[in-house]
């Protein structure tokens, strides 16, 4: 069967520059999932989760030196209960 419908909207900011090179690149995004896929509680593997999800996050990459960078993502994931399993 088909999987769940997932929709996303994001905002990519312009990179912050320092001495002519990129210093920080970041974005915010809102991911959502809707239980439109097939789900059966008897199966261990399902194309659908059977739950609604909302997952906003902020991701960034900091360029410390020309060959050294660090990246991170701060997110929150909310999921509804699956009515067939109660989980």
Foldseek 3Di string as FASTA:
>chain_A
DAEWDKDKDKDWDDFDDDPHDGFKTKMKMKMKTDFPFDDDPVDPDGRYDQKIKIKIKMKMKGDPDPPDIDIDMDMDMDIDARPVPRD
